[in-house]
Amino acid sequence: QSRNKLRLLSRCTERNSKSPIPARLGLFIDLLALHLLVSNRAYHWKWQMINASLNGDIKNFINQHVTSFLVWDLLVFFHRNPTVVDDADGLAKELGRSVDDIELAAGELMRKAVLGREKTSYKYTACDEMKALVATFVEALNDREKRLWILSEVLQRR
């Protein structure tokens, strides 16, 4: 019965849903599902298949560039809004994070040549190859099982 409730809540938080459930609750539900998936040996083979289905480039990208959930959020934000030029305060309001955290994560992405700086504002300046990797990453997030695998990778590094 609890798994049925989890599935129902999970369906309510999918990206295309018009659900009033906040996105943060969706992340919590994904974490709970991840725990159930990893703790259930019957799904271990499925987990390995998800791992095998992701190509080496995207795995390397995730391991090298997606170092925190804030970096994850910034990558998705700038991928979906590539023409945005905004300062740390504006990004903090947009993403619901602190200005200091945004500056740290944006600085990390600047060192990795994903973001650039224009006076006090940040902009998406990644090369075409990097933009393709970010696009593949964002596309993988649309698949729930791949998103859970990526989530586990980020959590393991924390």
Protein backbone atom coordinates (compact mmCIF):
# COMPACT_ATOMS: atom_id res chain seq x y z
CA GLN A 1 0.00 0.00 0.00
CA SER A 2 2.83 2.43 0.79
CA ARG A 3 4.40 1.70 -2.61
CA ASN A 4 1.08 2.56 -4.30
CA LYS A 5 1.00 5.88 -2.42
CA LEU A 6 4.60 6.51 -3.45
CA ARG A 7 3.74 5.81 -7.09
CA LEU A 8 0.73 8.14 -6.90
CA LEU A 9 2.80 10.93 -5.32
CA SER A 10 5.55 10.30 -7.83
CA ARG A 11 3.15 10.64 -10.75
CA CYS A 12 1.88 13.91 -9.27
CA THR A 13 5.37 15.38 -9.24
CA GLU A 14 6.45 14.43 -12.75
CA ARG A 15 7.71 17.34 -14.82
CA ASN A 16 4.66 17.53 -17.10
CA SER A 17 2.16 17.34 -14.26
CA LYS A 18 -0.05 20.29 -13.31
CA SER A 19 0.16 19.20 -9.68
CA PRO A 20 0.19 21.75 -6.85
CA ILE A 21 2.83 19.63 -5.09
CA PRO A 22 6.06 21.66 -4.91
CA ALA A 23 9.15 20.50 -6.78
CA ARG A 24 11.09 20.10 -3.51
CA LEU A 25 8.54 17.48 -2.43
CA GLY A 26 9.20 15.79 -5.75
CA LEU A 27 12.90 15.60 -4.85
CA PHE A 28 11.99 14.10 -1.47
CA ILE A 29 9.81 11.51 -3.18
CA ASP A 30 12.66 10.71 -5.57
CA LEU A 31 14.99 10.25 -2.59
CA LEU A 32 12.49 7.94 -0.93
CA ALA A 33 12.07 5.95 -4.15
CA LEU A 34 15.85 5.80 -4.47
CA HIS A 35 16.09 4.34 -0.98
CA LEU A 36 13.44 1.72 -1.80
CA LEU A 37 15.10 0.91 -5.10
CA VAL A 38 18.58 0.50 -3.66
CA SER A 39 17.42 -1.41 -0.59
CA ASN A 40 15.40 -3.89 -2.65
CA ARG A 41 17.70 -6.55 -4.10
CA ALA A 42 15.14 -7.44 -6.76
CA TYR A 43 15.80 -4.08 -8.42
CA HIS A 44 19.58 -4.36 -8.31
CA TRP A 45 19.70 -5.73 -11.89
CA LYS A 46 17.54 -2.83 -13.06
CA TRP A 47 19.92 -0.37 -11.42
CA GLN A 48 22.83 -1.95 -13.28
CA MET A 49 20.92 -1.70 -16.57
CA ILE A 50 20.29 2.02 -15.99
CA ASN A 51 23.99 2.49 -15.29
CA ALA A 52 24.85 0.60 -18.48
CA SER A 53 22.35 2.60 -20.57
CA LEU A 54 24.10 5.91 -19.84
CA ASN A 55 27.06 6.49 -22.13
CA GLY A 56 30.53 7.24 -20.81
CA ASP A 57 30.45 10.91 -21.82
CA ILE A 58 27.40 11.68 -19.70
CA LYS A 59 28.78 9.68 -16.76
CA ASN A 60 32.03 11.66 -16.95
CA PHE A 61 30.07 14.90 -17.23
CA ILE A 62 28.02 14.04 -14.13
CA ASN A 63 31.11 13.03 -12.15
CA GLN A 64 33.13 16.09 -13.15
CA HIS A 65 30.54 18.84 -13.32
CA VAL A 66 27.43 17.96 -11.28
CA THR A 67 29.06 18.31 -7.88
CA SER A 68 26.03 19.53 -5.94
CA PHE A 69 22.30 20.03 -6.27
CA LEU A 70 22.83 23.75 -6.75
CA VAL A 71 25.18 23.14 -9.67
CA TRP A 72 22.52 20.74 -10.99
CA ASP A 73 19.90 23.51 -10.68
CA LEU A 74 22.14 26.08 -12.38
CA LEU A 75 22.91 23.75 -15.27
CA VAL A 76 19.23 23.03 -15.83
CA PHE A 77 18.27 26.69 -15.44
CA PHE A 78 20.82 27.97 -17.97
CA HIS A 79 20.08 25.12 -20.38
CA ARG A 80 16.39 26.05 -20.36
CA ASN A 81 17.13 29.80 -20.43
CA PRO A 82 20.33 30.13 -22.48
CA THR A 83 19.96 33.86 -23.15
CA VAL A 84 19.52 34.89 -19.51
CA VAL A 85 22.14 37.23 -18.09
CA ASP A 86 21.51 37.68 -14.37
CA ASP A 87 23.40 38.50 -11.19
CA ALA A 88 23.70 36.25 -8.15
CA ASP A 89 20.78 37.98 -6.43
CA GLY A 90 18.44 37.38 -9.38
CA LEU A 91 19.56 33.76 -9.71
CA ALA A 92 19.11 33.26 -5.98
CA LYS A 93 15.52 34.50 -6.20
CA GLU A 94 14.86 32.40 -9.30
CA LEU A 95 16.24 29.20 -7.77
CA GLY A 96 15.24 29.81 -4.16
CA ARG A 97 18.82 29.70 -2.88
CA SER A 98 21.12 32.05 -1.00
CA VAL A 99 23.27 34.57 -2.85
CA ASP A 100 26.46 33.17 -1.28
CA ASP A 101 25.63 29.63 -2.43
CA ILE A 102 24.86 30.88 -5.95
CA GLU A 103 28.18 32.70 -6.12
CA LEU A 104 30.07 29.58 -5.02
CA ALA A 105 28.34 27.27 -7.50
CA ALA A 106 28.48 29.82 -10.34
CA GLY A 107 32.20 30.34 -9.63
CA GLU A 108 32.72 26.60 -9.94
CA LEU A 109 30.88 26.56 -13.28
CA MET A 110 32.92 29.55 -14.45
CA ARG A 111 36.17 27.66 -13.71
CA LYS A 112 34.80 24.78 -15.79
CA ALA A 113 33.94 27.17 -18.67
CA VAL A 114 30.20 26.55 -18.47
CA LEU A 115 29.28 30.06 -17.28
CA GLY A 116 30.87 33.39 -18.03
CA ARG A 117 30.71 36.70 -16.23
CA GLU A 118 29.62 40.06 -17.57
CA LYS A 119 30.38 42.66 -14.89
CA THR A 120 28.31 41.31 -11.96
CA SER A 121 26.09 39.04 -14.01
CA TYR A 122 26.43 35.42 -15.08
CA LYS A 123 25.65 34.05 -18.51
CA TYR A 124 25.72 30.70 -20.27
CA THR A 125 28.94 30.65 -22.31
CA ALA A 126 29.61 26.93 -22.71
CA CYS A 127 31.09 25.69 -25.98
CA ASP A 128 28.90 23.63 -28.31
CA GLU A 129 30.33 20.34 -27.03
CA MET A 130 29.58 21.30 -23.41
CA LYS A 131 26.09 22.50 -24.35
CA ALA A 132 25.46 19.10 -25.96
CA LEU A 133 26.54 17.36 -22.75
CA VAL A 134 24.33 19.62 -20.65
CA ALA A 135 21.43 18.91 -23.03
CA THR A 136 22.02 15.16 -22.66
CA PHE A 137 22.12 15.57 -18.87
CA VAL A 138 18.85 17.53 -18.82
CA GLU A 139 17.24 15.02 -21.18
CA ALA A 140 18.31 12.17 -18.87
CA LEU A 141 16.55 13.96 -16.00
CA ASN A 142 13.24 13.52 -17.81
CA ASP A 143 13.54 9.74 -17.36
CA ARG A 144 12.71 8.98 -13.73
CA GLU A 145 15.02 5.99 -13.40
CA LYS A 146 17.97 7.82 -14.93
CA ARG A 147 17.20 10.80 -12.67
CA LEU A 148 17.34 8.48 -9.64
CA TRP A 149 20.67 7.07 -10.81
CA ILE A 150 22.08 10.59 -11.26
CA LEU A 151 20.68 11.55 -7.86
CA SER A 152 22.49 8.62 -6.26
CA GLU A 153 25.75 9.64 -7.94
CA VAL A 154 25.51 13.18 -6.58
CA LEU A 155 24.54 11.97 -3.11
CA GLN A 156 27.48 9.56 -2.97
CA ARG A 157 29.88 12.47 -3.37
CA ARG A 158 28.33 14.56 -0.60
